[in-house]
Amino acid sequence: MSKMSLLVKLAIVNALALGIVVFWSGSTIKDYACLLVNDYGINGPLFNSELHVYFLQISIIAFSIVFLLHFLFLKNLIKPLNKLTQYAAFIKTGVYPEPLSVSSNDELGKLSDAFNNMALTLKKNDEKRDQMLKDISHELRTPLTNLNGYLEGLQSGIIKPTPELYGILLEESRRLSRMAEQINQLEGWTNFHQEGRILPVQKVIEDALESFTVAFEKSGISVNSSIQNGTVYVSEDALKQVLSIMLENVCFYDEGGWVKIIGKIRGDVYRIEVHNDGQFIIPEHTGKVFERFYRADSSRTVRTGGSGLGLSIAKEIITMMDGRIGLETDGNEHLFWTEFPITKKEEI
């Protein structure tokens, strides 16, 4: 019965109650009527009066039986609803109790399962938010401490104002602005629900490379590309954002003066690879580079202006598009890659 819907269960209970009332009442009244006529010889008005009284008694008993059956059924029905109400009240206060036990596959069971999934998602989101706030607080502390130290020194006269000092203060201020902008981007992409569409991925990659032409020339980075035709079903804005983050990282952390971009079909996925020589990354930390505010070298933020958020944003976007992202490195030469399912011609 656990796999039946509530509607079927309620229909069965009603049919059972109705069957009991009809069968038991009918047979009992019939037997009593026969008893009055055959054994006691009662008929006429007295027979009708006795039968009406008996019928009333039987009706009260039958009603009590039906009431009891429905009461027990509805009690079992309301019990999980009361638990849901209590759990919702707990979650409202920020407390996440143990998941509800799901003992049936009916509407209530599905509701409880959906509630458990919702509570788990909310809990994970709260944990991610709390961790993000801690990370942001930690990351903001260093530039703010630097700014406060320099400004207090200027105010007290210990430090003399120079163009170089103003340059340092300006760079710290710009760094805070970049960090605030990327935090805003991260929040935006975390709540991203834009529908995808079929895209010629070659053109998207070429457009992204073209938008970085000036930046690569300014940084003295030579570009080599090999891009195969292919179609993927993704959001164009999201894919462009991921490519921009990967190419921006090349500009920030380049050490070799070159970058190679490869786009190719690999089985049932389209793979985009960005090769270059960059600042040293511990090979064992290939998974950590996609964590928020991760840095292989804690001093590189000051030298490059990076915020440590770019790749975490890219991972958020890729995950929401059912893609994959990763890093392969020997420490100095890096291969950042991302993959999306191929859209076949018959799907277009």
C-alpha atoms as a PDB file:
ATOM      1  CA  MET A   1       0.000   0.000   0.000  1.00  0.00           C
ATOM      2  CA  SER A   2       3.038   2.298   0.439  1.00  0.00           C
ATOM      3  CA  LYS A   3       3.309   2.666  -3.352  1.00  0.00           C
ATOM      4  CA  MET A   4      -0.341   3.720  -3.740  1.00  0.00           C
ATOM      5  CA  SER A   5      -1.309   7.349  -4.143  1.00  0.00           C
ATOM      6  CA  LEU A   6      -3.208   9.146  -1.405  1.00  0.00           C
ATOM      7  CA  LEU A   7      -6.276   9.269  -3.634  1.00  0.00           C
ATOM      8  CA  VAL A   8      -6.267   5.468  -4.006  1.00  0.00           C
ATOM      9  CA  LYS A   9      -5.685   4.972  -0.286  1.00  0.00           C
ATOM     10  CA  LEU A  10      -8.542   7.298   0.595  1.00  0.00           C
ATOM     11  CA  ALA A  11     -10.816   5.552  -1.918  1.00  0.00           C
ATOM     12  CA  ILE A  12      -9.946   2.162  -0.397  1.00  0.00           C
ATOM     13  CA  VAL A  13     -10.651   3.411   3.141  1.00  0.00           C
ATOM     14  CA  ASN A  14     -13.990   4.895   2.044  1.00  0.00           C
ATOM     15  CA  ALA A  15     -14.951   1.751   0.146  1.00  0.00           C
ATOM     16  CA  LEU A  16     -13.971  -0.398   3.129  1.00  0.00           C
ATOM     17  CA  ALA A  17     -15.967   1.758   5.532  1.00  0.00           C
ATOM     18  CA  LEU A  18     -18.967   1.868   3.209  1.00  0.00           C
ATOM     19  CA  GLY A  19     -18.797  -1.899   2.680  1.00  0.00           C
ATOM     20  CA  ILE A  20     -18.720  -2.525   6.429  1.00  0.00           C
ATOM     21  CA  VAL A  21     -21.675  -0.215   7.008  1.00  0.00           C
ATOM     22  CA  VAL A  22     -23.784  -1.604   4.171  1.00  0.00           C
ATOM     23  CA  PHE A  23     -23.028  -5.284   4.750  1.00  0.00           C
ATOM     24  CA  TRP A  24     -23.037  -5.269   8.544  1.00  0.00           C
ATOM     25  CA  SER A  25     -26.006  -2.898   8.901  1.00  0.00           C
ATOM     26  CA  GLY A  26     -28.069  -4.655   6.228  1.00  0.00           C
ATOM     27  CA  SER A  27     -27.474  -8.170   7.545  1.00  0.00           C
ATOM     28  CA  THR A  28     -27.986  -7.123  11.180  1.00  0.00           C
ATOM     29  CA  ILE A  29     -31.244  -5.269  10.470  1.00  0.00           C
ATOM     30  CA  LYS A  30     -32.490  -8.198   8.380  1.00  0.00           C
ATOM     31  CA  ASP A  31     -31.725 -10.676  11.179  1.00  0.00           C
ATOM     32  CA  TYR A  32     -33.401  -8.461  13.754  1.00  0.00           C
ATOM     33  CA  ALA A  33     -36.486  -8.031  11.553  1.00  0.00           C
ATOM     34  CA  CYS A  34     -36.750 -11.830  11.158  1.00  0.00           C
ATOM     35  CA  LEU A  35     -36.321 -12.214  14.903  1.00  0.00           C
ATOM     36  CA  LEU A  36     -39.158  -9.781  15.630  1.00  0.00           C
ATOM     37  CA  VAL A  37     -41.550 -11.453  13.190  1.00  0.00           C
ATOM     38  CA  ASN A  38     -40.686 -15.148  13.597  1.00  0.00           C
ATOM     39  CA  ASP A  39     -39.713 -15.449  17.254  1.00  0.00           C
ATOM     40  CA  TYR A  40     -41.687 -12.651  18.892  1.00  0.00           C
ATOM     41  CA  GLY A  41     -44.588 -12.380  16.454  1.00  0.00           C
ATOM     42  CA  ILE A  42     -44.353  -8.597  16.329  1.00  0.00           C
ATOM     43  CA  ASN A  43     -45.751  -6.812  13.305  1.00  0.00           C
ATOM     44  CA  GLY A  44     -47.630  -3.680  12.334  1.00  0.00           C
ATOM     45  CA  PRO A  45     -46.861  -0.320  13.990  1.00  0.00           C
ATOM     46  CA  LEU A  46     -44.951  -1.937  16.852  1.00  0.00           C
ATOM     47  CA  PHE A  47     -42.693  -3.730  14.339  1.00  0.00           C
ATOM     48  CA  ASN A  48     -41.943  -0.446  12.566  1.00  0.00           C
ATOM     49  CA  SER A  49     -41.234   1.311  15.858  1.00  0.00           C
ATOM     50  CA  GLU A  50     -38.856  -1.434  17.088  1.00  0.00           C
ATOM     51  CA  LEU A  51     -37.105  -1.547  13.722  1.00  0.00           C
ATOM     52  CA  HIS A  52     -36.630   2.239  13.656  1.00  0.00           C
ATOM     53  CA  VAL A  53     -35.037   2.209  17.120  1.00  0.00           C
ATOM     54  CA  TYR A  54     -32.748  -0.651  16.140  1.00  0.00           C
ATOM     55  CA  PHE A  55     -31.853   1.088  12.876  1.00  0.00           C
ATOM     56  CA  LEU A  56     -30.903   4.208  14.827  1.00  0.00           C
ATOM     57  CA  GLN A  57     -28.655   2.183  17.132  1.00  0.00           C
ATOM     58  CA  ILE A  58     -27.025   0.399  14.224  1.00  0.00           C
ATOM     59  CA  SER A  59     -26.478   3.747  12.444  1.00  0.00           C
ATOM     60  CA  ILE A  60     -24.726   5.178  15.507  1.00  0.00           C
ATOM     61  CA  ILE A  61     -22.477   2.120  15.773  1.00  0.00           C
ATOM     62  CA  ALA A  62     -21.747   2.177  12.027  1.00  0.00           C
ATOM     63  CA  PHE A  63     -20.985   5.885  12.152  1.00  0.00           C
ATOM     64  CA  SER A  64     -18.593   5.283  15.063  1.00  0.00           C
ATOM     65  CA  ILE A  65     -16.784   2.554  13.100  1.00  0.00           C
ATOM     66  CA  VAL A  66     -16.469   4.757  10.011  1.00  0.00           C
ATOM     67  CA  PHE A  67     -15.329   7.706  12.136  1.00  0.00           C
ATOM     68  CA  LEU A  68     -12.667   5.531  13.811  1.00  0.00           C
ATOM     69  CA  LEU A  69     -11.363   4.246  10.464  1.00  0.00           C
ATOM     70  CA  HIS A  70     -11.128   7.749   8.999  1.00  0.00           C
ATOM     71  CA  PHE A  71      -9.627   9.135  12.203  1.00  0.00           C
ATOM     72  CA  LEU A  72      -6.823   6.553  12.184  1.00  0.00           C
ATOM     73  CA  PHE A  73      -6.187   7.094   8.484  1.00  0.00           C
ATOM     74  CA  LEU A  74      -6.147  10.889   8.734  1.00  0.00           C
ATOM     75  CA  LYS A  75      -3.988  10.707  11.856  1.00  0.00           C
ATOM     76  CA  ASN A  76      -1.341   8.823   9.888  1.00  0.00           C
ATOM     77  CA  LEU A  77      -1.828  11.301   7.055  1.00  0.00           C
ATOM     78  CA  ILE A  78      -1.413  14.406   9.203  1.00  0.00           C
ATOM     79  CA  LYS A  79       1.548  13.077  11.201  1.00  0.00           C
ATOM     80  CA  PRO A  80       4.133  13.597   8.422  1.00  0.00           C
ATOM     81  CA  LEU A  81       2.519  16.965   7.593  1.00  0.00           C
ATOM     82  CA  ASN A  82       3.025  18.044  11.201  1.00  0.00           C
ATOM     83  CA  LYS A  83       6.647  16.937  10.959  1.00  0.00           C
ATOM     84  CA  LEU A  84       7.049  18.967   7.789  1.00  0.00           C
ATOM     85  CA  THR A  85       5.633  22.013   9.578  1.00  0.00           C
ATOM     86  CA  GLN A  86       8.019  21.526  12.519  1.00  0.00           C
ATOM     87  CA  TYR A  87      11.017  21.056  10.221  1.00  0.00           C
ATOM     88  CA  ALA A  88      10.064  24.156   8.229  1.00  0.00           C
ATOM     89  CA  ALA A  89       9.938  26.125  11.487  1.00  0.00           C
ATOM     90  CA  PHE A  90      13.418  24.847  12.397  1.00  0.00           C
ATOM     91  CA  ILE A  91      14.837  25.789   9.006  1.00  0.00           C
ATOM     92  CA  LYS A  92      13.293  29.256   9.300  1.00  0.00           C
ATOM     93  CA  THR A  93      15.476  29.807  12.379  1.00  0.00           C
ATOM     94  CA  GLY A  94      18.579  28.533  10.560  1.00  0.00           C
ATOM     95  CA  VAL A  95      18.620  25.081  12.191  1.00  0.00           C
ATOM     96  CA  TYR A  96      18.764  22.062   9.878  1.00  0.00           C
ATOM     97  CA  PRO A  97      17.518  18.870  11.612  1.00  0.00           C
ATOM     98  CA  GLU A  98      18.098  15.343  10.410  1.00  0.00           C
ATOM     99  CA  PRO A  99      16.271  14.519   7.132  1.00  0.00           C
ATOM    100  CA  LEU A 100      12.695  13.336   7.336  1.00  0.00           C
ATOM    101  CA  SER A 101      12.236   9.575   7.090  1.00  0.00           C
ATOM    102  CA  VAL A 102      10.443   8.618   3.874  1.00  0.00           C
ATOM    103  CA  SER A 103       8.453   5.414   4.333  1.00  0.00           C
ATOM    104  CA  SER A 104       6.069   5.621   1.361  1.00  0.00           C
ATOM    105  CA  ASN A 105       6.106   6.411  -2.325  1.00  0.00           C
ATOM    106  CA  ASP A 106       2.815   8.317  -2.387  1.00  0.00           C
ATOM    107  CA  GLU A 107       2.325  12.089  -2.605  1.00  0.00           C
ATOM    108  CA  LEU A 108       3.387  12.560   1.024  1.00  0.00           C
ATOM    109  CA  GLY A 109       6.491  10.470   0.501  1.00  0.00           C
ATOM    110  CA  LYS A 110       7.416  12.494  -2.579  1.00  0.00           C
ATOM    111  CA  LEU A 111       6.708  15.724  -0.696  1.00  0.00           C
ATOM    112  CA  SER A 112       8.956  14.614   2.171  1.00  0.00           C
ATOM    113  CA  ASP A 113      11.698  13.628  -0.274  1.00  0.00           C
ATOM    114  CA  ALA A 114      11.420  16.972  -2.075  1.00  0.00           C
ATOM    115  CA  PHE A 115      11.522  18.767   1.284  1.00  0.00           C
ATOM    116  CA  ASN A 116      14.669  16.858   2.283  1.00  0.00           C
ATOM    117  CA  ASN A 117      16.342  17.822  -1.002  1.00  0.00           C
ATOM    118  CA  MET A 118      15.315  21.447  -0.535  1.00  0.00           C
ATOM    119  CA  ALA A 119      16.627  21.491   3.037  1.00  0.00           C
ATOM    120  CA  LEU A 120      19.916  19.929   1.908  1.00  0.00           C
ATOM    121  CA  THR A 121      20.278  22.526  -0.861  1.00  0.00           C
ATOM    122  CA  LEU A 122      19.534  25.378   1.543  1.00  0.00           C
ATOM    123  CA  LYS A 123      22.041  23.979   4.032  1.00  0.00           C
ATOM    124  CA  LYS A 124      24.751  23.731   1.374  1.00  0.00           C
ATOM    125  CA  ASN A 125      23.971  27.246   0.149  1.00  0.00           C
ATOM    126  CA  ASP A 126      24.186  28.599   3.702  1.00  0.00           C
ATOM    127  CA  GLU A 127      27.501  26.815   4.235  1.00  0.00           C
ATOM    128  CA  LYS A 128      28.831  28.157   0.929  1.00  0.00           C
ATOM    129  CA  ARG A 129      27.633  31.656   1.813  1.00  0.00           C
ATOM    130  CA  ASP A 130      29.225  31.519   5.279  1.00  0.00           C
ATOM    131  CA  GLN A 131      32.490  30.228   3.836  1.00  0.00           C
ATOM    132  CA  MET A 132      32.404  32.886   1.122  1.00  0.00           C
ATOM    133  CA  LEU A 133      31.881  35.634   3.712  1.00  0.00           C
ATOM    134  CA  LYS A 134      34.838  34.299   5.715  1.00  0.00           C
ATOM    135  CA  ASP A 135      36.994  34.149   2.584  1.00  0.00           C
ATOM    136  CA  ILE A 136      35.985  37.650   1.499  1.00  0.00           C
ATOM    137  CA  SER A 137      36.653  39.028   4.972  1.00  0.00           C
ATOM    138  CA  HIS A 138      40.076  37.416   4.966  1.00  0.00           C
ATOM    139  CA  GLU A 139      40.942  38.664   1.476  1.00  0.00           C
ATOM    140  CA  LEU A 140      39.800  42.229   2.140  1.00  0.00           C
ATOM    141  CA  ARG A 141      41.825  42.447   5.327  1.00  0.00           C
ATOM    142  CA  THR A 142      45.232  42.654   3.594  1.00  0.00           C
ATOM    143  CA  PRO A 143      44.577  45.564   1.170  1.00  0.00           C
ATOM    144  CA  LEU A 144      42.571  47.428   3.800  1.00  0.00           C
ATOM    145  CA  THR A 145      45.374  46.982   6.334  1.00  0.00           C
ATOM    146  CA  ASN A 146      47.872  48.279   3.762  1.00  0.00           C
ATOM    147  CA  LEU A 147      45.700  51.279   2.952  1.00  0.00           C
ATOM    148  CA  ASN A 148      45.117  52.073   6.623  1.00  0.00           C
ATOM    149  CA  GLY A 149      48.823  51.762   7.405  1.00  0.00           C
ATOM    150  CA  TYR A 150      49.883  54.089   4.588  1.00  0.00           C
ATOM    151  CA  LEU A 151      47.128  56.616   5.313  1.00  0.00           C
ATOM    152  CA  GLU A 152      47.892  56.663   9.056  1.00  0.00           C
ATOM    153  CA  GLY A 153      51.568  57.177   8.207  1.00  0.00           C
ATOM    154  CA  LEU A 154      50.697  60.065   5.892  1.00  0.00           C
ATOM    155  CA  GLN A 155      48.395  61.608   8.475  1.00  0.00           C
ATOM    156  CA  SER A 156      51.013  61.440  11.244  1.00  0.00           C
ATOM    157  CA  GLY A 157      53.813  62.672   8.970  1.00  0.00           C
ATOM    158  CA  ILE A 158      55.885  59.508   9.392  1.00  0.00           C
ATOM    159  CA  ILE A 159      55.548  58.782   5.673  1.00  0.00           C
ATOM    160  CA  LYS A 160      56.192  61.513   3.126  1.00  0.00           C
ATOM    161  CA  PRO A 161      53.865  61.664   0.116  1.00  0.00           C
ATOM    162  CA  THR A 162      55.548  60.672  -3.146  1.00  0.00           C
ATOM    163  CA  PRO A 163      54.232  59.749  -6.613  1.00  0.00           C
ATOM    164  CA  GLU A 164      55.352  56.181  -5.977  1.00  0.00           C
ATOM    165  CA  LEU A 165      53.356  56.019  -2.732  1.00  0.00           C
ATOM    166  CA  TYR A 166      50.269  57.398  -4.434  1.00  0.00           C
ATOM    167  CA  GLY A 167      50.753  54.717  -7.093  1.00  0.00           C
ATOM    168  CA  ILE A 168      50.761  52.014  -4.404  1.00  0.00           C
ATOM    169  CA  LEU A 169      47.620  53.436  -2.802  1.00  0.00           C
ATOM    170  CA  LEU A 170      45.921  53.657  -6.194  1.00  0.00           C
ATOM    171  CA  GLU A 171      46.806  50.053  -7.012  1.00  0.00           C
ATOM    172  CA  GLU A 172      45.448  48.824  -3.661  1.00  0.00           C
ATOM    173  CA  SER A 173      42.250  50.781  -4.306  1.00  0.00           C
ATOM    174  CA  ARG A 174      41.941  49.306  -7.807  1.00  0.00           C
ATOM    175  CA  ARG A 175      42.542  45.861  -6.401  1.00  0.00           C
ATOM    176  CA  LEU A 176      39.643  46.310  -3.968  1.00  0.00           C
ATOM    177  CA  SER A 177      37.451  47.502  -6.847  1.00  0.00           C
ATOM    178  CA  ARG A 178      38.364  44.459  -8.969  1.00  0.00           C
ATOM    179  CA  MET A 179      37.666  42.146  -6.066  1.00  0.00           C
ATOM    180  CA  ALA A 180      34.275  43.753  -5.419  1.00  0.00           C
ATOM    181  CA  GLU A 181      33.395  43.438  -9.114  1.00  0.00           C
ATOM    182  CA  GLN A 182      34.344  39.760  -9.244  1.00  0.00           C
ATOM    183  CA  ILE A 183      32.433  39.030  -6.025  1.00  0.00           C
ATOM    184  CA  ASN A 184      29.428  40.601  -7.721  1.00  0.00           C
ATOM    185  CA  GLN A 185      30.039  38.414 -10.797  1.00  0.00           C
ATOM    186  CA  LEU A 186      30.319  35.305  -8.639  1.00  0.00           C
ATOM    187  CA  GLU A 187      26.957  36.041  -7.010  1.00  0.00           C
ATOM    188  CA  GLY A 188      25.411  36.681 -10.407  1.00  0.00           C
ATOM    189  CA  TRP A 189      26.676  33.444 -11.959  1.00  0.00           C
ATOM    190  CA  THR A 190      25.722  31.445  -8.849  1.00  0.00           C
ATOM    191  CA  ASN A 191      22.100  32.438  -9.528  1.00  0.00           C
ATOM    192  CA  PHE A 192      22.486  32.004 -13.280  1.00  0.00           C
ATOM    193  CA  HIS A 193      19.540  30.365 -15.067  1.00  0.00           C
ATOM    194  CA  GLN A 194      19.920  31.551 -18.671  1.00  0.00           C
ATOM    195  CA  GLU A 195      18.787  29.084 -21.309  1.00  0.00           C
ATOM    196  CA  GLY A 196      21.411  27.727 -23.671  1.00  0.00           C
ATOM    197  CA  ARG A 197      21.273  27.527 -27.447  1.00  0.00           C
ATOM    198  CA  ILE A 198      23.154  25.771 -30.217  1.00  0.00           C
ATOM    199  CA  LEU A 199      26.419  27.620 -30.891  1.00  0.00           C
ATOM    200  CA  PRO A 200      29.197  27.287 -33.483  1.00  0.00           C
ATOM    201  CA  VAL A 201      31.918  27.095 -30.853  1.00  0.00           C
ATOM    202  CA  GLN A 202      34.726  27.971 -33.313  1.00  0.00           C
ATOM    203  CA  LYS A 203      33.318  31.471 -33.822  1.00  0.00           C
ATOM    204  CA  VAL A 204      32.887  32.038 -30.067  1.00  0.00           C
ATOM    205  CA  ILE A 205      36.546  31.119 -29.439  1.00  0.00           C
ATOM    206  CA  GLU A 206      37.760  33.312 -32.315  1.00  0.00           C
ATOM    207  CA  ASP A 207      35.694  36.262 -31.046  1.00  0.00           C
ATOM    208  CA  ALA A 208      37.154  35.809 -27.562  1.00  0.00           C
ATOM    209  CA  LEU A 209      40.705  35.731 -28.960  1.00  0.00           C
ATOM    210  CA  GLU A 210      40.049  38.853 -31.017  1.00  0.00           C
ATOM    211  CA  SER A 211      38.847  40.738 -27.944  1.00  0.00           C
ATOM    212  CA  PHE A 212      42.193  39.959 -26.239  1.00  0.00           C
ATOM    213  CA  THR A 213      44.394  40.980 -29.187  1.00  0.00           C
ATOM    214  CA  VAL A 214      45.414  44.314 -27.660  1.00  0.00           C
ATOM    215  CA  ALA A 215      45.933  42.827 -24.194  1.00  0.00           C
ATOM    216  CA  PHE A 216      48.206  40.079 -25.586  1.00  0.00           C
ATOM    217  CA  GLU A 217      50.211  42.578 -27.635  1.00  0.00           C
ATOM    218  CA  LYS A 218      50.611  44.840 -24.616  1.00  0.00           C
ATOM    219  CA  SER A 219      51.851  41.906 -22.530  1.00  0.00           C
ATOM    220  CA  GLY A 220      54.158  40.674 -25.307  1.00  0.00           C
ATOM    221  CA  ILE A 221      52.340  37.351 -25.658  1.00  0.00           C
ATOM    222  CA  SER A 222      52.356  35.594 -29.033  1.00  0.00           C
ATOM    223  CA  VAL A 223      49.190  33.671 -29.930  1.00  0.00           C
ATOM    224  CA  ASN A 224      48.899  30.359 -31.758  1.00  0.00           C
ATOM    225  CA  SER A 225      45.517  28.746 -32.305  1.00  0.00           C
ATOM    226  CA  SER A 226      44.094  25.566 -33.826  1.00  0.00           C
ATOM    227  CA  ILE A 227      40.299  25.504 -33.665  1.00  0.00           C
ATOM    228  CA  GLN A 228      38.084  22.774 -35.106  1.00  0.00           C
ATOM    229  CA  ASN A 229      34.468  23.345 -36.148  1.00  0.00           C
ATOM    230  CA  GLY A 230      31.827  22.037 -33.770  1.00  0.00           C
ATOM    231  CA  THR A 231      28.492  22.902 -32.162  1.00  0.00           C
ATOM    232  CA  VAL A 232      27.586  22.863 -28.486  1.00  0.00           C
ATOM    233  CA  TYR A 233      24.383  23.645 -26.608  1.00  0.00           C
ATOM    234  CA  VAL A 234      25.341  26.315 -24.045  1.00  0.00           C
ATOM    235  CA  SER A 235      24.707  29.933 -23.145  1.00  0.00           C
ATOM    236  CA  GLU A 236      26.826  32.161 -25.394  1.00  0.00           C
ATOM    237  CA  ASP A 237      27.370  34.736 -22.634  1.00  0.00           C
ATOM    238  CA  ALA A 238      28.427  32.027 -20.197  1.00  0.00           C
ATOM    239  CA  LEU A 239      30.902  30.446 -22.617  1.00  0.00           C
ATOM    240  CA  LYS A 240      32.396  33.850 -23.475  1.00  0.00           C
ATOM    241  CA  GLN A 241      32.782  34.598 -19.770  1.00  0.00           C
ATOM    242  CA  VAL A 242      34.666  31.332 -19.185  1.00  0.00           C
ATOM    243  CA  LEU A 243      36.980  31.972 -22.143  1.00  0.00           C
ATOM    244  CA  SER A 244      37.584  35.547 -20.959  1.00  0.00           C
ATOM    245  CA  ILE A 245      38.579  34.303 -17.498  1.00  0.00           C
ATOM    246  CA  MET A 246      41.004  31.742 -18.950  1.00  0.00           C
ATOM    247  CA  LEU A 247      42.598  34.255 -21.344  1.00  0.00           C
ATOM    248  CA  GLU A 248      42.698  36.955 -18.666  1.00  0.00           C
ATOM    249  CA  ASN A 249      44.645  34.559 -16.448  1.00  0.00           C
ATOM    250  CA  VAL A 250      47.186  34.170 -19.241  1.00  0.00           C
ATOM    251  CA  CYS A 251      47.685  37.954 -19.276  1.00  0.00           C
ATOM    252  CA  PHE A 252      47.934  38.148 -15.487  1.00  0.00           C
ATOM    253  CA  TYR A 253      50.299  35.256 -14.821  1.00  0.00           C
ATOM    254  CA  ASP A 254      52.267  34.765 -18.073  1.00  0.00           C
ATOM    255  CA  GLU A 255      55.943  33.826 -17.780  1.00  0.00           C
ATOM    256  CA  GLY A 256      56.773  32.485 -21.241  1.00  0.00           C
ATOM    257  CA  GLY A 257      55.424  35.109 -23.639  1.00  0.00           C
ATOM    258  CA  TRP A 258      53.238  32.643 -25.577  1.00  0.00           C
ATOM    259  CA  VAL A 259      49.826  31.031 -25.496  1.00  0.00           C
ATOM    260  CA  LYS A 260      48.282  28.271 -27.595  1.00  0.00           C
ATOM    261  CA  ILE A 261      44.529  27.783 -27.871  1.00  0.00           C
ATOM    262  CA  ILE A 262      43.171  24.486 -29.175  1.00  0.00           C
ATOM    263  CA  GLY A 263      39.553  23.654 -29.893  1.00  0.00           C
ATOM    264  CA  LYS A 264      38.790  20.086 -30.900  1.00  0.00           C
ATOM    265  CA  ILE A 265      36.152  17.374 -30.903  1.00  0.00           C
ATOM    266  CA  ARG A 266      37.056  14.587 -28.526  1.00  0.00           C
ATOM    267  CA  GLY A 267      34.566  11.736 -28.666  1.00  0.00           C
ATOM    268  CA  ASP A 268      31.170  13.143 -27.743  1.00  0.00           C
ATOM    269  CA  VAL A 269      32.535  16.386 -26.238  1.00  0.00           C
ATOM    270  CA  TYR A 270      34.110  19.565 -27.541  1.00  0.00           C
ATOM    271  CA  ARG A 271      37.331  20.354 -25.694  1.00  0.00           C
ATOM    272  CA  ILE A 272      38.907  23.809 -25.412  1.00  0.00           C
ATOM    273  CA  GLU A 273      42.538  23.923 -24.266  1.00  0.00           C
ATOM    274  CA  VAL A 274      44.640  26.932 -23.236  1.00  0.00           C
ATOM    275  CA  HIS A 275      48.386  26.182 -23.068  1.00  0.00           C
ATOM    276  CA  ASN A 276      51.012  28.590 -21.719  1.00  0.00           C
ATOM    277  CA  ASP A 277      53.976  29.018 -19.399  1.00  0.00           C
ATOM    278  CA  GLY A 278      52.734  30.704 -16.249  1.00  0.00           C
ATOM    279  CA  GLN A 279      53.664  31.300 -12.660  1.00  0.00           C
ATOM    280  CA  PHE A 280      54.531  28.160 -10.733  1.00  0.00           C
ATOM    281  CA  ILE A 281      51.627  25.971  -9.576  1.00  0.00           C
ATOM    282  CA  ILE A 282      52.218  22.922  -7.423  1.00  0.00           C
ATOM    283  CA  PRO A 283      51.111  19.952  -9.608  1.00  0.00           C
ATOM    284  CA  GLU A 284      49.303  18.388  -6.664  1.00  0.00           C
ATOM    285  CA  HIS A 285      47.133  21.519  -6.377  1.00  0.00           C
ATOM    286  CA  THR A 286      45.443  21.229  -9.769  1.00  0.00           C
ATOM    287  CA  GLY A 287      42.033  20.877  -8.117  1.00  0.00           C
ATOM    288  CA  LYS A 288      42.561  23.650  -5.591  1.00  0.00           C
ATOM    289  CA  VAL A 289      43.134  26.368  -8.217  1.00  0.00           C
ATOM    290  CA  PHE A 290      39.372  26.418  -8.812  1.00  0.00           C
ATOM    291  CA  GLU A 291      38.630  27.160  -5.160  1.00  0.00           C
ATOM    292  CA  ARG A 292      37.760  30.713  -4.192  1.00  0.00           C
ATOM    293  CA  PHE A 293      40.773  32.897  -3.376  1.00  0.00           C
ATOM    294  CA  TYR A 294      43.276  30.082  -3.935  1.00  0.00           C
ATOM    295  CA  ARG A 295      46.775  31.297  -4.759  1.00  0.00           C
ATOM    296  CA  ALA A 296      49.856  29.207  -5.381  1.00  0.00           C
ATOM    297  CA  ASP A 297      51.912  32.265  -4.391  1.00  0.00           C
ATOM    298  CA  SER A 298      50.307  34.588  -1.846  1.00  0.00           C
ATOM    299  CA  SER A 299      52.421  37.517  -3.066  1.00  0.00           C
ATOM    300  CA  ARG A 300      51.314  37.302  -6.675  1.00  0.00           C
ATOM    301  CA  THR A 301      48.125  39.297  -6.023  1.00  0.00           C
ATOM    302  CA  VAL A 302      50.172  42.402  -5.356  1.00  0.00           C
ATOM    303  CA  ARG A 303      52.266  41.856  -8.503  1.00  0.00           C
ATOM    304  CA  THR A 304      49.479  40.928 -10.893  1.00  0.00           C
ATOM    305  CA  GLY A 305      46.297  42.415  -9.489  1.00  0.00           C
ATOM    306  CA  GLY A 306      44.490  39.073  -9.416  1.00  0.00           C
ATOM    307  CA  SER A 307      41.659  38.485  -6.952  1.00  0.00           C
ATOM    308  CA  GLY A 308      41.736  34.680  -6.744  1.00  0.00           C
ATOM    309  CA  LEU A 309      38.103  34.496  -7.857  1.00  0.00           C
ATOM    310  CA  GLY A 310      38.296  34.119 -11.645  1.00  0.00           C
ATOM    311  CA  LEU A 311      38.677  30.353 -11.908  1.00  0.00           C
ATOM    312  CA  SER A 312      36.089  29.716  -9.205  1.00  0.00           C
ATOM    313  CA  ILE A 313      33.626  31.779 -11.257  1.00  0.00           C
ATOM    314  CA  ALA A 314      34.563  29.755 -14.356  1.00  0.00           C
ATOM    315  CA  LYS A 315      33.929  26.509 -12.477  1.00  0.00           C
ATOM    316  CA  GLU A 316      30.517  27.750 -11.265  1.00  0.00           C
ATOM    317  CA  ILE A 317      29.547  28.586 -14.848  1.00  0.00           C
ATOM    318  CA  ILE A 318      30.873  25.350 -16.343  1.00  0.00           C
ATOM    319  CA  THR A 319      29.086  23.242 -13.725  1.00  0.00           C
ATOM    320  CA  MET A 320      25.763  24.951 -14.466  1.00  0.00           C
ATOM    321  CA  MET A 321      26.222  24.185 -18.184  1.00  0.00           C
ATOM    322  CA  ASP A 322      26.851  20.452 -17.537  1.00  0.00           C
ATOM    323  CA  GLY A 323      30.462  20.847 -18.618  1.00  0.00           C
ATOM    324  CA  ARG A 324      33.817  20.046 -17.039  1.00  0.00           C
ATOM    325  CA  ILE A 325      36.917  22.125 -16.341  1.00  0.00           C
ATOM    326  CA  GLY A 326      40.375  21.142 -15.231  1.00  0.00           C
ATOM    327  CA  LEU A 327      44.109  21.833 -15.148  1.00  0.00           C
ATOM    328  CA  GLU A 328      47.106  19.740 -16.138  1.00  0.00           C
ATOM    329  CA  THR A 329      50.557  21.082 -15.264  1.00  0.00           C
ATOM    330  CA  ASP A 330      54.156  20.163 -14.616  1.00  0.00           C
ATOM    331  CA  GLY A 331      54.440  23.226 -12.405  1.00  0.00           C
ATOM    332  CA  ASN A 332      55.383  25.801 -15.038  1.00  0.00           C
ATOM    333  CA  GLU A 333      53.701  24.836 -18.314  1.00  0.00           C
ATOM    334  CA  HIS A 334      49.960  24.803 -17.766  1.00  0.00           C
ATOM    335  CA  LEU A 335      47.071  23.326 -19.701  1.00  0.00           C
ATOM    336  CA  PHE A 336      43.687  24.660 -18.678  1.00  0.00           C
ATOM    337  CA  TRP A 337      40.846  22.812 -20.393  1.00  0.00           C
ATOM    338  CA  THR A 338      37.072  22.771 -20.487  1.00  0.00           C
ATOM    339  CA  GLU A 339      34.666  20.340 -22.166  1.00  0.00           C
ATOM    340  CA  PHE A 340      31.023  20.501 -23.310  1.00  0.00           C
ATOM    341  CA  PRO A 341      28.784  17.824 -24.827  1.00  0.00           C
ATOM    342  CA  ILE A 342      28.710  17.925 -28.639  1.00  0.00           C
ATOM    343  CA  THR A 343      25.401  18.823 -30.342  1.00  0.00           C
ATOM    344  CA  LYS A 344      24.869  16.292 -33.116  1.00  0.00           C
ATOM    345  CA  LYS A 345      23.469  17.299 -36.519  1.00  0.00           C
ATOM    346  CA  GLU A 346      20.232  15.393 -36.004  1.00  0.00           C
ATOM    347  CA  GLU A 347      19.662  17.407 -32.805  1.00  0.00           C
ATOM    348  CA  ILE A 348      19.888  20.753 -34.617  1.00  0.00           C
END
